[in-house]
Amino acid sequence: MFRNNPFIKGLLFQLTFINILMITLAIGLSSWAIYETACFLVDSMNGIDSETQARFEALLLEYLIAFTVLAILIGGLLHYYLTRNMTRPIRDLIQSTQTLRAGQEPEKVHYQANNEVGELIEQYNRLINQLKQHDEVRNKMISDLSHELRTPVSNLNGYLYAMQSGDLEANQDTLHALYQESQRLKDLIEQVDQLKTLDYMSNQPFSYNENVDIAEIIHQSTALFEWRFNQYYIPLSVDVVTQHANIEPESIQQVLNNLLDNALNYHDHVTPVTVEGYPEGDHYTVRITSESTTIPEKEREKIFERFYRLDPSRSRESGGNGLGLAIAKEIIERHQGKIGVTSHGNRNTFWFTLPIHK
């Protein structure tokens, strides 16, 4: 009957029961010691008859029992009240976790105290904030990914439907357009998959023992883009200094490829795109400078966010998908480096640093 009673099973009842038990034991022993001592002292006095002695002992015993019961009740009630206030945040925490388990967004647990319970509540509230931020990022990423997929899929569907209905002839231009859209889908899926891999790797210890020349990697990347730059009559100037470092060469080459591709797509002058690399203190700095529209200061951090694009209509081919710079940022931070962009007039410089482990 009482075993399943939630009040009896609760922590508050258990603490109160233990407190009453300890109070009863302490007061009982004290009362017994007082009673025995008082009786001994009275008995040792001369001139007190046995009847008076008996009345004194009976009266003393009654008072001690009454005071003991009163002390136990007052102590138990006071402990219950104080403990109930201390355990209220724990009950709120239980309610909040039940709300979270039900798939709903819980409210913060309000409790401020410089003790273990206060620290637990503070850590829980931080966890709730972190989960909320992750949920917002996930929802935004799903929404952005859906938006990015919708355009090429709609284009493919429209082309194929027109060809099936006979409204459009399957010539070389049409097939090329279909291929471009399918390639865009393929690149997008590969980049999303790479971001997933980078998210997993960010929780793993970073350790690369391959000592490579950063300048050689830069030359390899610029050589791959030289033909594409020539197609648009854009000069490419490379000035790098040799420096060996412990890095993952394929990942750093991808960072360079993403930044060079970004410079190619948005460069709108005949001046050269410059690539510089040089050691600077305990790190190696790479700078890629091109001329295009000034990047507003408030946008310079956002352009490294996933799916963020400053102006999709300005890209030379499709405007990209807003993942190239995000992947570059993930890779550089994985190497304990930094990445950013500076803008002076119409000259934009994307830069990143890599630590030199000597």
Protein backbone atom coordinates (compact mmCIF):
# COMPACT_ATOMS: atom_id res chain seq x y z
CA MET A 1 0.00 0.00 0.00
CA PHE A 2 2.74 2.48 0.98
CA ARG A 3 5.44 1.00 -1.23
CA ASN A 4 4.14 2.67 -4.39
CA ASN A 5 3.26 5.96 -2.71
CA PRO A 6 5.25 8.67 -4.57
CA PHE A 7 5.60 10.78 -1.43
CA ILE A 8 7.09 7.92 0.60
CA LYS A 9 9.39 7.00 -2.29
CA GLY A 10 10.51 10.61 -2.67
CA LEU A 11 13.87 11.98 -1.62
CA LEU A 12 12.22 14.59 0.61
CA PHE A 13 10.45 11.92 2.71
CA GLN A 14 13.60 9.84 2.99
CA LEU A 15 15.70 12.81 4.13
CA THR A 16 13.02 13.86 6.63
CA PHE A 17 12.72 10.31 7.99
CA ILE A 18 16.48 10.04 8.45
CA ASN A 19 16.56 13.46 10.14
CA ILE A 20 13.73 12.52 12.55
CA LEU A 21 15.48 9.26 13.35
CA MET A 22 18.73 11.08 14.14
CA ILE A 23 16.92 13.75 16.21
CA THR A 24 15.06 11.04 18.15
CA LEU A 25 18.28 9.18 18.85
CA ALA A 26 20.16 12.32 19.92
CA ILE A 27 17.39 13.73 22.12
CA GLY A 28 16.58 10.28 23.54
CA LEU A 29 20.18 9.72 24.65
CA SER A 30 20.41 13.29 26.01
CA SER A 31 17.13 12.92 27.92
CA TRP A 32 18.21 9.59 29.36
CA ALA A 33 21.54 11.12 30.47
CA ILE A 34 19.76 14.12 32.02
CA TYR A 35 17.22 11.91 33.77
CA GLU A 36 19.83 9.57 35.24
CA THR A 37 22.07 12.45 36.32
CA ALA A 38 19.22 14.40 37.94
CA CYS A 39 17.96 11.32 39.78
CA PHE A 40 21.44 10.57 41.04
CA LEU A 41 21.95 14.13 42.29
CA VAL A 42 18.58 14.25 44.06
CA ASP A 43 19.16 10.83 45.58
CA SER A 44 22.50 11.97 46.99
CA MET A 45 20.92 14.90 48.80
CA ASN A 46 20.10 14.44 52.49
CA GLY A 47 16.64 15.17 53.88
CA ILE A 48 14.61 14.00 50.85
CA ASP A 49 12.26 11.12 51.56
CA SER A 50 11.50 8.34 49.10
CA GLU A 51 8.01 9.64 48.24
CA THR A 52 9.37 13.03 47.22
CA GLN A 53 12.12 11.31 45.29
CA ALA A 54 9.56 9.21 43.37
CA ARG A 55 7.39 12.25 42.54
CA PHE A 56 10.44 14.13 41.32
CA GLU A 57 11.54 11.28 39.06
CA ALA A 58 8.02 10.83 37.64
CA LEU A 59 7.61 14.54 36.98
CA LEU A 60 11.06 14.78 35.42
CA LEU A 61 10.31 11.82 33.17
CA GLU A 62 7.03 13.37 31.98
CA TYR A 63 8.73 16.69 31.17
CA LEU A 64 11.56 14.98 29.34
CA ILE A 65 9.14 12.88 27.27
CA ALA A 66 7.03 15.95 26.43
CA PHE A 67 10.06 18.04 25.49
CA THR A 68 11.51 15.16 23.47
CA VAL A 69 8.30 14.68 21.47
CA LEU A 70 7.97 18.45 20.97
CA ALA A 71 11.58 18.77 19.84
CA ILE A 72 11.19 15.87 17.40
CA LEU A 73 8.01 17.38 15.90
CA ILE A 74 9.46 20.88 15.59
CA GLY A 75 12.77 19.58 14.23
CA GLY A 76 11.03 17.28 11.76
CA LEU A 77 8.69 20.00 10.47
CA LEU A 78 11.48 22.55 10.22
CA HIS A 79 13.70 20.05 8.36
CA TYR A 80 10.84 19.15 6.02
CA TYR A 81 10.20 22.80 5.17
CA LEU A 82 13.85 23.66 4.60
CA THR A 83 14.58 20.47 2.67
CA ARG A 84 11.50 20.97 0.49
CA ASN A 85 12.89 24.34 -0.64
CA MET A 86 16.26 22.73 -1.35
CA THR A 87 14.76 19.86 -3.37
CA ARG A 88 12.38 22.07 -5.38
CA PRO A 89 14.98 22.70 -8.13
CA ILE A 90 15.53 18.94 -8.37
CA ARG A 91 11.79 18.46 -8.92
CA ASP A 92 11.87 21.25 -11.51
CA LEU A 93 14.83 19.52 -13.14
CA ILE A 94 12.90 16.24 -13.30
CA GLN A 95 9.93 18.02 -14.86
CA SER A 96 12.20 19.72 -17.39
CA THR A 97 13.86 16.44 -18.41
CA GLN A 98 10.43 14.85 -18.83
CA THR A 99 9.45 17.70 -21.13
CA LEU A 100 12.70 17.25 -23.07
CA ARG A 101 12.10 13.50 -23.34
CA ALA A 102 8.63 14.18 -24.76
CA GLY A 103 10.28 16.06 -27.63
CA GLN A 104 9.26 19.51 -26.46
CA GLU A 105 11.46 22.49 -25.67
CA PRO A 106 11.85 22.76 -21.88
CA GLU A 107 12.14 25.98 -19.95
CA LYS A 108 15.27 26.84 -18.02
CA VAL A 109 15.37 25.76 -14.40
CA HIS A 110 15.66 28.88 -12.23
CA TYR A 111 17.86 28.34 -9.20
CA GLN A 112 20.81 30.34 -7.95
CA ALA A 113 22.95 28.95 -5.17
CA ASN A 114 26.64 28.40 -4.70
CA ASN A 115 26.41 24.66 -4.07
CA GLU A 116 26.39 21.35 -5.95
CA VAL A 117 22.70 21.62 -6.86
CA GLY A 118 23.24 25.13 -8.22
CA GLU A 119 26.16 23.89 -10.33
CA LEU A 120 24.06 20.98 -11.61
CA ILE A 121 21.24 23.33 -12.61
CA GLU A 122 23.69 25.70 -14.30
CA GLN A 123 25.25 22.88 -16.34
CA TYR A 124 21.78 21.60 -17.27
CA ASN A 125 20.68 25.04 -18.48
CA ARG A 126 23.85 25.28 -20.57
CA LEU A 127 23.07 21.88 -22.04
CA ILE A 128 19.54 23.02 -22.91
CA ASN A 129 20.95 26.13 -24.63
CA GLN A 130 23.43 24.00 -26.56
CA LEU A 131 20.73 21.55 -27.65
CA LYS A 132 18.55 24.47 -28.72
CA GLN A 133 21.39 25.96 -30.79
CA HIS A 134 22.16 22.60 -32.38
CA ASP A 135 18.48 22.14 -33.19
CA GLU A 136 18.34 25.58 -34.80
CA VAL A 137 21.49 24.84 -36.82
CA ARG A 138 20.09 21.48 -37.89
CA ASN A 139 16.75 22.97 -38.95
CA LYS A 140 18.51 25.76 -40.83
CA MET A 141 20.82 23.28 -42.52
CA ILE A 142 17.91 21.07 -43.57
CA SER A 143 16.05 24.11 -44.89
CA ASP A 144 19.11 25.39 -46.76
CA LEU A 145 19.89 21.96 -48.16
CA SER A 146 16.30 21.57 -49.33
CA HIS A 147 16.54 24.96 -51.01
CA GLU A 148 19.84 24.10 -52.69
CA LEU A 149 18.51 20.77 -53.97
CA ARG A 150 15.23 22.19 -55.20
CA THR A 151 16.70 24.28 -58.03
CA PRO A 152 18.78 21.61 -59.84
CA VAL A 153 16.12 18.94 -59.29
CA SER A 154 13.43 21.26 -60.68
CA ASN A 155 15.63 22.07 -63.67
CA LEU A 156 16.31 18.41 -64.36
CA ASN A 157 12.65 17.54 -63.99
CA GLY A 158 11.60 20.40 -66.29
CA TYR A 159 14.12 19.49 -68.99
CA LEU A 160 13.28 15.79 -68.89
CA TYR A 161 9.52 16.44 -68.95
CA ALA A 162 9.87 18.79 -71.92
CA MET A 163 11.98 16.19 -73.77
CA GLN A 164 9.50 13.42 -72.95
CA SER A 165 6.52 15.46 -74.17
CA GLY A 166 8.34 16.42 -77.35
CA ASP A 167 8.44 20.14 -76.58
CA LEU A 168 12.23 20.14 -76.40
CA GLU A 169 14.78 18.44 -78.63
CA ALA A 170 17.63 16.56 -77.00
CA ASN A 171 20.51 18.44 -78.65
CA GLN A 172 24.03 18.99 -77.36
CA ASP A 173 23.16 22.21 -75.53
CA THR A 174 20.28 20.55 -73.70
CA LEU A 175 22.37 17.53 -72.75
CA HIS A 176 25.14 19.83 -71.54
CA ALA A 177 22.68 21.75 -69.36
CA LEU A 178 21.38 18.48 -67.91
CA TYR A 179 24.93 17.35 -67.23
CA GLN A 180 25.74 20.64 -65.48
CA GLU A 181 22.72 20.31 -63.20
CA SER A 182 23.51 16.69 -62.38
CA GLN A 183 27.13 17.66 -61.66
CA ARG A 184 25.90 20.39 -59.35
CA LEU A 185 23.81 17.86 -57.44
CA LYS A 186 26.77 15.49 -57.23
CA ASP A 187 29.09 18.20 -55.91
CA LEU A 188 26.53 19.32 -53.35
CA ILE A 189 25.99 15.79 -52.01
CA GLU A 190 29.74 15.19 -51.82
CA GLN A 191 30.30 18.45 -49.90
CA VAL A 192 27.49 17.71 -47.46
CA ASP A 193 28.96 14.27 -46.89
CA GLN A 194 32.38 15.83 -46.32
CA LEU A 195 30.93 18.25 -43.76
CA LYS A 196 29.44 15.27 -41.92
CA THR A 197 32.88 13.63 -41.90
CA LEU A 198 34.50 16.83 -40.65
CA ASP A 199 31.92 17.13 -37.88
CA TYR A 200 32.83 13.63 -36.74
CA MET A 201 36.56 14.25 -37.01
CA SER A 202 36.30 17.46 -34.98
CA ASN A 203 35.65 15.30 -31.91
CA GLN A 204 38.71 13.15 -32.55
CA PRO A 205 42.29 14.02 -31.53
CA PHE A 206 44.23 15.72 -34.32
CA SER A 207 47.58 14.16 -35.17
CA TYR A 208 49.38 14.33 -38.49
CA ASN A 209 53.00 13.25 -38.70
CA GLU A 210 53.44 13.95 -42.41
CA ASN A 211 55.94 16.78 -42.77
CA VAL A 212 55.32 18.45 -46.13
CA ASP A 213 56.26 21.66 -47.89
CA ILE A 214 53.31 24.07 -47.85
CA ALA A 215 54.70 25.99 -50.82
CA GLU A 216 54.65 22.81 -52.92
CA ILE A 217 50.97 22.24 -52.09
CA ILE A 218 50.17 25.82 -53.11
CA HIS A 219 51.97 25.37 -56.43
CA GLN A 220 50.03 22.15 -57.09
CA SER A 221 46.69 23.89 -56.48
CA THR A 222 47.50 26.95 -58.58
CA ALA A 223 48.70 24.71 -61.41
CA LEU A 224 45.30 22.99 -61.44
CA PHE A 225 43.53 26.35 -61.76
CA GLU A 226 45.88 27.95 -64.25
CA TRP A 227 43.92 26.75 -67.29
CA ARG A 228 40.58 27.95 -65.85
CA PHE A 229 42.04 31.39 -65.07
CA ASN A 230 43.40 31.61 -68.62
CA GLN A 231 39.92 30.82 -69.96
CA TYR A 232 38.67 34.07 -68.41
CA TYR A 233 41.89 36.01 -69.18
CA ILE A 234 42.64 36.51 -65.49
CA PRO A 235 46.35 36.58 -64.57
CA LEU A 236 47.39 34.42 -61.61
CA SER A 237 50.40 35.58 -59.60
CA VAL A 238 52.01 33.18 -57.11
CA ASP A 239 54.67 34.20 -54.58
CA VAL A 240 55.27 31.65 -51.82
CA VAL A 241 58.13 30.79 -49.46
CA THR A 242 59.14 27.21 -48.72
CA GLN A 243 58.16 25.98 -45.27
CA HIS A 244 57.68 22.44 -43.97
CA ALA A 245 54.92 21.69 -41.47
CA ASN A 246 52.98 18.72 -40.10
CA ILE A 247 49.67 18.94 -41.97
CA GLU A 248 47.25 16.81 -43.94
CA PRO A 249 48.19 17.80 -47.54
CA GLU A 250 44.98 16.70 -49.28
CA SER A 251 42.81 18.74 -46.89
CA ILE A 252 44.95 21.87 -47.19
CA GLN A 253 44.92 21.50 -50.98
CA GLN A 254 41.14 21.41 -50.85
CA VAL A 255 41.12 24.64 -48.82
CA LEU A 256 43.28 26.27 -51.48
CA ASN A 257 41.07 24.89 -54.26
CA ASN A 258 37.94 26.28 -52.58
CA LEU A 259 39.49 29.71 -52.10
CA LEU A 260 40.87 29.82 -55.65
CA ASP A 261 37.51 28.73 -57.04
CA ASN A 262 35.84 31.47 -55.00
CA ALA A 263 38.32 34.06 -56.32
CA LEU A 264 37.76 32.90 -59.90
CA ASN A 265 33.97 33.02 -59.66
CA TYR A 266 33.80 36.50 -58.18
CA HIS A 267 36.81 38.27 -59.73
CA ASP A 268 35.55 41.01 -62.07
CA HIS A 269 38.72 42.95 -63.01
CA VAL A 270 41.66 42.32 -65.31
CA THR A 271 44.16 42.71 -62.47
CA PRO A 272 45.90 39.52 -61.30
CA VAL A 273 44.64 37.27 -58.57
CA THR A 274 47.60 37.01 -56.20
CA VAL A 275 48.53 34.05 -54.01
CA GLU A 276 51.06 34.66 -51.25
CA GLY A 277 52.52 32.31 -48.67
CA TYR A 278 55.15 32.99 -46.05
CA PRO A 279 56.16 31.97 -42.51
CA GLU A 280 55.24 34.47 -39.84
CA GLY A 281 56.38 33.69 -36.30
CA ASP A 282 55.10 30.28 -35.24
CA HIS A 283 52.65 29.92 -38.14
CA TYR A 284 52.49 30.01 -41.94
CA THR A 285 50.18 32.57 -43.59
CA VAL A 286 48.49 32.12 -46.97
CA ARG A 287 46.74 35.08 -48.64
CA ILE A 288 44.63 35.00 -51.82
CA THR A 289 43.68 38.46 -53.08
CA SER A 290 41.24 39.32 -55.87
CA GLU A 291 39.17 42.31 -56.91
CA SER A 292 35.39 42.27 -56.73
CA THR A 293 32.60 43.96 -54.82
CA THR A 294 33.54 45.04 -51.29
CA ILE A 295 32.45 42.55 -48.63
CA PRO A 296 30.63 44.47 -45.86
CA GLU A 297 32.22 44.08 -42.44
CA LYS A 298 29.08 42.52 -40.93
CA GLU A 299 29.10 39.85 -43.66
CA ARG A 300 32.75 38.78 -43.26
CA GLU A 301 32.05 36.23 -40.53
CA LYS A 302 28.82 34.97 -42.07
CA ILE A 303 30.39 33.97 -45.39
CA PHE A 304 32.10 31.07 -43.63
CA GLU A 305 28.75 29.71 -42.43
CA ARG A 306 27.22 26.74 -44.18
CA PHE A 307 25.00 27.57 -47.18
CA TYR A 308 25.59 31.29 -46.77
CA ARG A 309 26.13 33.23 -49.99
CA LEU A 310 26.68 36.95 -50.33
CA ASP A 311 25.20 37.27 -53.83
CA PRO A 312 24.37 34.02 -55.66
CA SER A 313 23.63 35.85 -58.91
CA ARG A 314 27.23 37.03 -59.27
CA SER A 315 28.85 33.61 -59.57
CA ARG A 316 30.29 32.94 -62.98
CA GLU A 317 28.59 29.57 -63.28
CA SER A 318 25.92 28.76 -60.71
CA GLY A 319 26.71 30.90 -57.70
CA GLY A 320 28.06 27.94 -55.77
CA ASN A 321 26.20 26.32 -52.95
CA GLY A 322 27.63 28.14 -49.96
CA LEU A 323 29.62 25.17 -48.68
CA GLY A 324 33.12 25.77 -50.05
CA LEU A 325 34.14 28.38 -47.48
CA ALA A 326 32.44 26.47 -44.67
CA ILE A 327 34.48 23.36 -45.54
CA ALA A 328 37.66 25.46 -45.69
CA LYS A 329 36.92 26.85 -42.23
CA GLU A 330 36.30 23.37 -40.80
CA ILE A 331 39.59 22.06 -42.20
CA ILE A 332 41.69 25.00 -41.02
CA GLU A 333 40.22 24.88 -37.52
CA ARG A 334 40.86 21.14 -37.54
CA HIS A 335 44.54 22.04 -38.05
CA GLN A 336 44.36 24.52 -35.11
CA GLY A 337 44.71 27.39 -37.57
CA LYS A 338 42.65 30.50 -38.31
CA ILE A 339 40.83 31.72 -41.42
CA GLY A 340 39.25 35.03 -42.36
CA VAL A 341 38.80 37.76 -44.94
CA THR A 342 39.80 41.40 -45.15
CA SER A 343 38.38 43.94 -47.58
CA HIS A 344 39.93 47.22 -48.70
CA GLY A 345 37.87 48.97 -51.33
CA ASN A 346 37.27 46.42 -54.07
CA ARG A 347 40.22 44.22 -53.03
CA ASN A 348 39.23 41.18 -50.95
CA THR A 349 41.86 39.01 -49.32
CA PHE A 350 41.00 35.56 -48.01
CA TRP A 351 43.70 34.34 -45.63
CA PHE A 352 44.41 31.41 -43.38
CA THR A 353 47.20 30.43 -41.03
CA LEU A 354 48.69 27.05 -40.16
CA PRO A 355 50.79 26.40 -37.05
CA ILE A 356 54.39 25.42 -37.73
CA HIS A 357 55.31 22.51 -35.46
CA LYS A 358 59.07 22.52 -35.05
